[in-house]
Amino acid sequence: MENKVEHVCGPRMVKTYLDKVTTPEFEKMGITPPMGMVLKVLRCHEGASMKDVSEILMIDKAMVTRTVLKLLDMNLLENRASGHAYSLVLTEEGMKAAVRSKEILDNAWQELLTDVTPQEREVFDAVLTKVSERIRRSLQ
């Protein structure tokens, strides 16, 4: 079967679009898109470690470490573990930022998918879910 998607829209193109659309909104909050993504993840995964965040977002641990350290310095996160361990929890301000981050990211995806019908969206979501599961299994 011929792969027609590769030349049309790749992951890099989607990331570039999302960064372009979300960066101005995140800058108003004083954070970057990766910070917003980490906050959004921790809203759903309270107590996650840096390794957990890295695995959920599928970004390298060094990027997560830099991002988390900045968020800790900004008092948007707390580390509830001791020593070298991390159990990351949103502060009250961090929770507000996480809620706003989710709104920003959801709005960006909504805009991106404006021309997609509900039926196409359903198929798209199903396909992406299967692809994501396949990728996660292969990386374990």
C-alpha atoms as a PDB file:
ATOM      1  CA  MET A   1       0.000   0.000   0.000  1.00  0.00           C
ATOM      2  CA  GLU A   2       1.345   3.410  -0.952  1.00  0.00           C
ATOM      3  CA  ASN A   3       1.943   5.861   1.916  1.00  0.00           C
ATOM      4  CA  LYS A   4       0.234   9.100   0.875  1.00  0.00           C
ATOM      5  CA  VAL A   5       0.317  10.758   4.306  1.00  0.00           C
ATOM      6  CA  GLU A   6       4.097  11.125   4.545  1.00  0.00           C
ATOM      7  CA  HIS A   7       4.365  13.923   2.004  1.00  0.00           C
ATOM      8  CA  VAL A   8       1.165  15.647   3.125  1.00  0.00           C
ATOM      9  CA  CYS A   9       1.452  16.119   6.873  1.00  0.00           C
ATOM     10  CA  GLY A  10       4.140  14.749   9.150  1.00  0.00           C
ATOM     11  CA  PRO A  11       4.606  15.028  12.902  1.00  0.00           C
ATOM     12  CA  ARG A  12       7.093  17.890  12.508  1.00  0.00           C
ATOM     13  CA  MET A  13       4.560  19.928  10.546  1.00  0.00           C
ATOM     14  CA  VAL A  14       1.911  19.443  13.252  1.00  0.00           C
ATOM     15  CA  LYS A  15       4.359  20.388  16.018  1.00  0.00           C
ATOM     16  CA  THR A  16       5.471  23.494  14.119  1.00  0.00           C
ATOM     17  CA  TYR A  17       1.855  24.570  13.677  1.00  0.00           C
ATOM     18  CA  LEU A  18       0.962  23.943  17.332  1.00  0.00           C
ATOM     19  CA  ASP A  19       4.040  25.837  18.538  1.00  0.00           C
ATOM     20  CA  LYS A  20       3.236  28.776  16.263  1.00  0.00           C
ATOM     21  CA  VAL A  21      -0.368  28.963  17.435  1.00  0.00           C
ATOM     22  CA  THR A  22       0.220  28.324  21.146  1.00  0.00           C
ATOM     23  CA  THR A  23       3.456  30.210  21.817  1.00  0.00           C
ATOM     24  CA  PRO A  24       1.885  33.707  21.981  1.00  0.00           C
ATOM     25  CA  GLU A  25      -0.732  32.473  24.454  1.00  0.00           C
ATOM     26  CA  PHE A  26       1.822  30.654  26.605  1.00  0.00           C
ATOM     27  CA  GLU A  27       4.095  33.712  26.543  1.00  0.00           C
ATOM     28  CA  LYS A  28       1.255  35.754  28.074  1.00  0.00           C
ATOM     29  CA  MET A  29       1.451  33.311  30.983  1.00  0.00           C
ATOM     30  CA  GLY A  30       5.251  33.555  31.149  1.00  0.00           C
ATOM     31  CA  ILE A  31       5.786  29.951  30.069  1.00  0.00           C
ATOM     32  CA  THR A  32       6.725  27.980  26.945  1.00  0.00           C
ATOM     33  CA  PRO A  33       4.713  25.321  25.054  1.00  0.00           C
ATOM     34  CA  PRO A  34       6.716  22.462  26.638  1.00  0.00           C
ATOM     35  CA  MET A  35       5.973  23.910  30.087  1.00  0.00           C
ATOM     36  CA  GLY A  36       2.288  24.037  29.221  1.00  0.00           C
ATOM     37  CA  MET A  37       2.363  20.413  28.103  1.00  0.00           C
ATOM     38  CA  VAL A  38       4.054  19.305  31.348  1.00  0.00           C
ATOM     39  CA  LEU A  39       1.514  21.239  33.424  1.00  0.00           C
ATOM     40  CA  LYS A  40      -1.339  19.659  31.469  1.00  0.00           C
ATOM     41  CA  VAL A  41       0.081  16.165  32.065  1.00  0.00           C
ATOM     42  CA  LEU A  42       0.567  16.752  35.788  1.00  0.00           C
ATOM     43  CA  ARG A  43      -3.021  17.936  36.119  1.00  0.00           C
ATOM     44  CA  CYS A  44      -4.076  14.386  35.221  1.00  0.00           C
ATOM     45  CA  HIS A  45      -1.104  12.527  36.743  1.00  0.00           C
ATOM     46  CA  GLU A  46      -0.533  14.053  40.165  1.00  0.00           C
ATOM     47  CA  GLY A  47       2.609  12.733  41.823  1.00  0.00           C
ATOM     48  CA  ALA A  48       4.222  11.664  38.556  1.00  0.00           C
ATOM     49  CA  SER A  49       7.995  11.447  38.366  1.00  0.00           C
ATOM     50  CA  MET A  50      10.087  13.121  35.687  1.00  0.00           C
ATOM     51  CA  LYS A  51      10.464   9.706  34.069  1.00  0.00           C
ATOM     52  CA  ASP A  52       6.673   9.314  34.020  1.00  0.00           C
ATOM     53  CA  VAL A  53       6.247  12.724  32.360  1.00  0.00           C
ATOM     54  CA  SER A  54       8.923  11.859  29.807  1.00  0.00           C
ATOM     55  CA  GLU A  55       7.161   8.601  28.932  1.00  0.00           C
ATOM     56  CA  ILE A  56       3.689  10.166  28.734  1.00  0.00           C
ATOM     57  CA  LEU A  57       4.813  13.030  26.484  1.00  0.00           C
ATOM     58  CA  MET A  58       7.378  10.887  24.665  1.00  0.00           C
ATOM     59  CA  ILE A  59      10.057  13.567  24.967  1.00  0.00           C
ATOM     60  CA  ASP A  60      13.576  13.050  26.226  1.00  0.00           C
ATOM     61  CA  LYS A  61      14.357  13.112  29.926  1.00  0.00           C
ATOM     62  CA  ALA A  62      16.787  16.030  29.611  1.00  0.00           C
ATOM     63  CA  MET A  63      14.045  18.244  28.167  1.00  0.00           C
ATOM     64  CA  VAL A  64      11.644  17.183  30.925  1.00  0.00           C
ATOM     65  CA  THR A  65      14.293  17.838  33.585  1.00  0.00           C
ATOM     66  CA  ARG A  66      14.994  21.370  32.294  1.00  0.00           C
ATOM     67  CA  THR A  67      11.286  22.111  31.993  1.00  0.00           C
ATOM     68  CA  VAL A  68      10.393  20.747  35.438  1.00  0.00           C
ATOM     69  CA  LEU A  69      13.248  22.629  37.116  1.00  0.00           C
ATOM     70  CA  LYS A  70      11.994  25.892  35.582  1.00  0.00           C
ATOM     71  CA  LEU A  71       8.440  25.147  36.714  1.00  0.00           C
ATOM     72  CA  LEU A  72       9.694  24.377  40.233  1.00  0.00           C
ATOM     73  CA  ASP A  73      11.594  27.708  40.255  1.00  0.00           C
ATOM     74  CA  MET A  74       8.412  29.476  39.149  1.00  0.00           C
ATOM     75  CA  ASN A  75       6.503  27.837  42.044  1.00  0.00           C
ATOM     76  CA  LEU A  76       4.060  26.201  39.648  1.00  0.00           C
ATOM     77  CA  LEU A  77       5.144  22.739  40.848  1.00  0.00           C
ATOM     78  CA  GLU A  78       6.217  21.148  44.103  1.00  0.00           C
ATOM     79  CA  ASN A  79       8.318  18.051  44.561  1.00  0.00           C
ATOM     80  CA  ARG A  80       6.779  15.965  47.325  1.00  0.00           C
ATOM     81  CA  ALA A  81       9.532  13.324  47.285  1.00  0.00           C
ATOM     82  CA  SER A  82      12.899  13.483  49.010  1.00  0.00           C
ATOM     83  CA  GLY A  83      16.432  13.026  47.783  1.00  0.00           C
ATOM     84  CA  HIS A  84      16.834  12.523  44.048  1.00  0.00           C
ATOM     85  CA  ALA A  85      13.295  11.194  43.626  1.00  0.00           C
ATOM     86  CA  TYR A  86      10.474  13.274  42.217  1.00  0.00           C
ATOM     87  CA  SER A  87       6.768  13.238  42.970  1.00  0.00           C
ATOM     88  CA  LEU A  88       5.524  16.284  41.078  1.00  0.00           C
ATOM     89  CA  VAL A  89       2.393  18.083  42.215  1.00  0.00           C
ATOM     90  CA  LEU A  90       0.871  21.310  40.932  1.00  0.00           C
ATOM     91  CA  THR A  91       0.718  24.260  43.293  1.00  0.00           C
ATOM     92  CA  GLU A  92      -2.459  26.358  43.403  1.00  0.00           C
ATOM     93  CA  GLU A  93      -0.943  28.685  40.771  1.00  0.00           C
ATOM     94  CA  GLY A  94       0.277  25.662  38.856  1.00  0.00           C
ATOM     95  CA  MET A  95      -3.262  24.267  38.744  1.00  0.00           C
ATOM     96  CA  LYS A  96      -4.544  27.546  37.282  1.00  0.00           C
ATOM     97  CA  ALA A  97      -1.739  27.476  34.713  1.00  0.00           C
ATOM     98  CA  ALA A  98      -2.497  23.809  33.899  1.00  0.00           C
ATOM     99  CA  VAL A  99      -6.175  24.588  33.302  1.00  0.00           C
ATOM    100  CA  ARG A 100      -5.244  27.493  31.016  1.00  0.00           C
ATOM    101  CA  SER A 101      -2.618  25.338  29.246  1.00  0.00           C
ATOM    102  CA  LYS A 102      -5.261  22.724  28.491  1.00  0.00           C
ATOM    103  CA  GLU A 103      -7.538  25.434  27.071  1.00  0.00           C
ATOM    104  CA  ILE A 104      -4.736  26.773  24.866  1.00  0.00           C
ATOM    105  CA  LEU A 105      -3.811  23.326  23.550  1.00  0.00           C
ATOM    106  CA  ASP A 106      -7.436  22.294  23.043  1.00  0.00           C
ATOM    107  CA  ASN A 107      -8.155  25.521  21.138  1.00  0.00           C
ATOM    108  CA  ALA A 108      -5.109  24.970  18.918  1.00  0.00           C
ATOM    109  CA  TRP A 109      -6.241  21.442  18.054  1.00  0.00           C
ATOM    110  CA  GLN A 110      -9.800  22.662  17.481  1.00  0.00           C
ATOM    111  CA  GLU A 111      -8.508  25.278  15.046  1.00  0.00           C
ATOM    112  CA  LEU A 112      -6.280  22.744  13.323  1.00  0.00           C
ATOM    113  CA  LEU A 113      -9.217  20.386  12.816  1.00  0.00           C
ATOM    114  CA  THR A 114     -11.754  23.047  11.770  1.00  0.00           C
ATOM    115  CA  ASP A 115     -12.178  21.581   8.282  1.00  0.00           C
ATOM    116  CA  VAL A 116     -12.555  18.014   9.542  1.00  0.00           C
ATOM    117  CA  THR A 117     -16.113  16.693   9.809  1.00  0.00           C
ATOM    118  CA  PRO A 118     -17.276  14.939  13.007  1.00  0.00           C
ATOM    119  CA  GLN A 119     -17.199  11.613  11.153  1.00  0.00           C
ATOM    120  CA  GLU A 120     -13.662  12.237   9.887  1.00  0.00           C
ATOM    121  CA  ARG A 121     -12.631  13.295  13.400  1.00  0.00           C
ATOM    122  CA  GLU A 122     -13.948  10.034  14.827  1.00  0.00           C
ATOM    123  CA  VAL A 123     -11.939   8.015  12.301  1.00  0.00           C
ATOM    124  CA  PHE A 124      -8.878  10.259  12.807  1.00  0.00           C
ATOM    125  CA  ASP A 125      -9.024   9.771  16.594  1.00  0.00           C
ATOM    126  CA  ALA A 126      -9.368   5.996  16.201  1.00  0.00           C
ATOM    127  CA  VAL A 127      -6.416   5.835  13.811  1.00  0.00           C
ATOM    128  CA  LEU A 128      -4.211   8.024  16.011  1.00  0.00           C
ATOM    129  CA  THR A 129      -5.100   5.926  19.060  1.00  0.00           C
ATOM    130  CA  LYS A 130      -4.025   2.741  17.267  1.00  0.00           C
ATOM    131  CA  VAL A 131      -0.829   4.349  15.960  1.00  0.00           C
ATOM    132  CA  SER A 132       0.019   5.721  19.424  1.00  0.00           C
ATOM    133  CA  GLU A 133      -0.545   2.332  21.042  1.00  0.00           C
ATOM    134  CA  ARG A 134       1.658   0.676  18.420  1.00  0.00           C
ATOM    135  CA  ILE A 135       4.447   3.209  18.953  1.00  0.00           C
ATOM    136  CA  ARG A 136       4.302   2.895  22.756  1.00  0.00           C
ATOM    137  CA  ARG A 137       4.416  -0.919  22.550  1.00  0.00           C
ATOM    138  CA  SER A 138       7.390  -0.839  20.205  1.00  0.00           C
ATOM    139  CA  LEU A 139       9.307   1.533  22.480  1.00  0.00           C
ATOM    140  CA  GLN A 140       8.880  -0.527  25.653  1.00  0.00           C
END
